Amino acid sequence: MKAAKKLLQDMLQAIESIESYMVISYAEFLDNEKTQDAIMFNLIIIGEAANQIPREFQESHSEIPWSSIIGTRNLIVHGYDQVKLQIVWDIIQKDLQSLKSSLVKLI
């Protein structure tokens, strides 16, 4: 559990970093490549940490969409040329707050 807790903390820290980079609008997000890069880098960290969490822990906490988180990481890393910025925006607008709440409860 100690190793999983450290990884959960890494995920939470990456979410907080993304929150600090947030911009007001989608148009502002599209105009700022540095913000896009910083956010995608932290999405990679979230996915990599999630991927390292033991399968048993993931299965016992199915409220977290582990496979989607890991899949997002894989897409950014391996399919970087296929990343849709609208989907990244949707993730940071709709999904991160819920994930953050779940992580805080687990930690």
Protein backbone atom coordinates (compact mmCIF):
# COMPACT_ATOMS: atom_id res chain seq x y z
CA MET A 1 0.00 0.00 0.00
CA LYS A 2 2.90 2.38 0.70
CA ALA A 3 4.09 2.23 -2.92
CA ALA A 4 0.54 2.75 -4.19
CA LYS A 5 0.10 5.74 -1.88
CA LYS A 6 3.22 7.39 -3.32
CA LEU A 7 1.93 6.84 -6.86
CA LEU A 8 -1.48 8.25 -5.90
CA GLN A 9 0.27 11.30 -4.47
CA ASP A 10 2.20 11.68 -7.73
CA MET A 11 -1.09 11.60 -9.63
CA LEU A 12 -2.60 14.20 -7.31
CA GLN A 13 0.45 16.46 -7.66
CA ALA A 14 0.20 16.25 -11.46
CA ILE A 15 -3.48 17.23 -11.29
CA GLU A 16 -2.59 20.21 -9.12
CA SER A 17 0.08 21.20 -11.63
CA ILE A 18 -2.49 21.03 -14.43
CA GLU A 19 -4.83 23.21 -12.36
CA SER A 20 -2.06 25.79 -12.01
CA TYR A 21 -1.62 25.89 -15.80
CA MET A 22 -5.30 26.22 -16.60
CA VAL A 23 -6.50 28.98 -18.86
CA ILE A 24 -9.89 30.60 -19.04
CA SER A 25 -11.12 29.37 -22.41
CA TYR A 26 -10.61 26.73 -25.05
CA ALA A 27 -9.49 29.44 -27.48
CA GLU A 28 -6.79 30.54 -25.02
CA PHE A 29 -5.77 26.90 -24.60
CA LEU A 30 -5.43 26.49 -28.38
CA ASP A 31 -3.29 29.63 -28.60
CA ASN A 32 -0.82 28.57 -25.93
CA GLU A 33 1.43 25.66 -26.93
CA LYS A 34 3.43 25.87 -23.70
CA THR A 35 0.26 25.31 -21.68
CA GLN A 36 -0.75 22.44 -23.97
CA ASP A 37 2.67 20.82 -23.51
CA ALA A 38 2.67 21.30 -19.74
CA ILE A 39 -0.80 19.83 -19.38
CA MET A 40 -0.07 16.86 -21.64
CA PHE A 41 3.18 16.16 -19.79
CA ASN A 42 1.25 15.99 -16.53
CA LEU A 43 -1.40 13.76 -18.11
CA ILE A 44 1.48 11.44 -19.02
CA ILE A 45 2.66 11.48 -15.39
CA ILE A 46 -0.87 10.64 -14.19
CA GLY A 47 -1.11 7.75 -16.64
CA GLU A 48 2.35 6.41 -15.89
CA ALA A 49 1.73 6.47 -12.14
CA ALA A 50 -1.63 4.77 -12.66
CA ASN A 51 0.04 2.10 -14.78
CA GLN A 52 2.50 1.32 -11.97
CA ILE A 53 -0.21 0.85 -9.34
CA PRO A 54 -0.65 -2.87 -8.63
CA ARG A 55 -3.51 -4.54 -10.47
CA GLU A 56 -5.06 -5.76 -7.19
CA PHE A 57 -5.23 -2.18 -5.89
CA GLN A 58 -6.79 -1.01 -9.15
CA GLU A 59 -9.39 -3.77 -8.99
CA SER A 60 -10.29 -2.91 -5.41
CA HIS A 61 -10.80 0.75 -6.40
CA SER A 62 -12.80 0.43 -9.58
CA GLU A 63 -14.36 3.87 -9.11
CA ILE A 64 -11.22 5.20 -10.79
CA PRO A 65 -11.12 4.65 -14.57
CA TRP A 66 -7.60 3.18 -14.56
CA SER A 67 -7.66 1.87 -18.13
CA SER A 68 -8.86 5.23 -19.51
CA ILE A 69 -6.16 7.08 -17.60
CA ILE A 70 -3.46 4.70 -18.83
CA GLY A 71 -4.91 4.77 -22.35
CA THR A 72 -4.73 8.57 -22.42
CA ARG A 73 -1.08 8.38 -21.42
CA ASN A 74 -0.39 5.84 -24.14
CA LEU A 75 -2.10 7.93 -26.78
CA ILE A 76 -0.15 11.07 -25.87
CA VAL A 77 3.17 9.20 -25.79
CA HIS A 78 2.77 6.82 -28.72
CA GLY A 79 0.15 8.55 -30.84
CA TYR A 80 1.24 12.11 -30.19
CA ASP A 81 0.38 13.08 -33.76
CA GLN A 82 -3.20 11.89 -33.23
CA VAL A 83 -3.93 13.80 -30.02
CA LYS A 84 -7.06 15.90 -30.34
CA LEU A 85 -6.78 19.08 -28.29
CA GLN A 86 -10.57 19.17 -27.83
CA ILE A 87 -10.36 15.80 -26.05
CA VAL A 88 -7.51 17.04 -23.84
CA TRP A 89 -9.59 20.11 -23.01
CA ASP A 90 -12.60 17.93 -22.18
CA ILE A 91 -10.48 15.77 -19.89
CA ILE A 92 -9.15 18.71 -17.93
CA GLN A 93 -12.57 20.39 -17.78
CA LYS A 94 -14.76 17.35 -17.01
CA ASP A 95 -12.71 14.48 -15.63
CA LEU A 96 -9.84 15.79 -13.53
CA GLN A 97 -11.93 17.16 -10.66
CA SER A 98 -13.66 13.83 -10.16
CA LEU A 99 -10.33 11.99 -10.30
CA LYS A 100 -8.83 14.44 -7.83
CA SER A 101 -11.69 13.86 -5.38
CA SER A 102 -11.28 10.09 -5.65
CA LEU A 103 -7.51 10.33 -5.11
CA VAL A 104 -7.90 12.55 -2.06
CA LYS A 105 -10.27 9.98 -0.52
CA LEU A 106 -7.82 7.14 -1.19
CA ILE A 107 -4.81 9.00 0.18
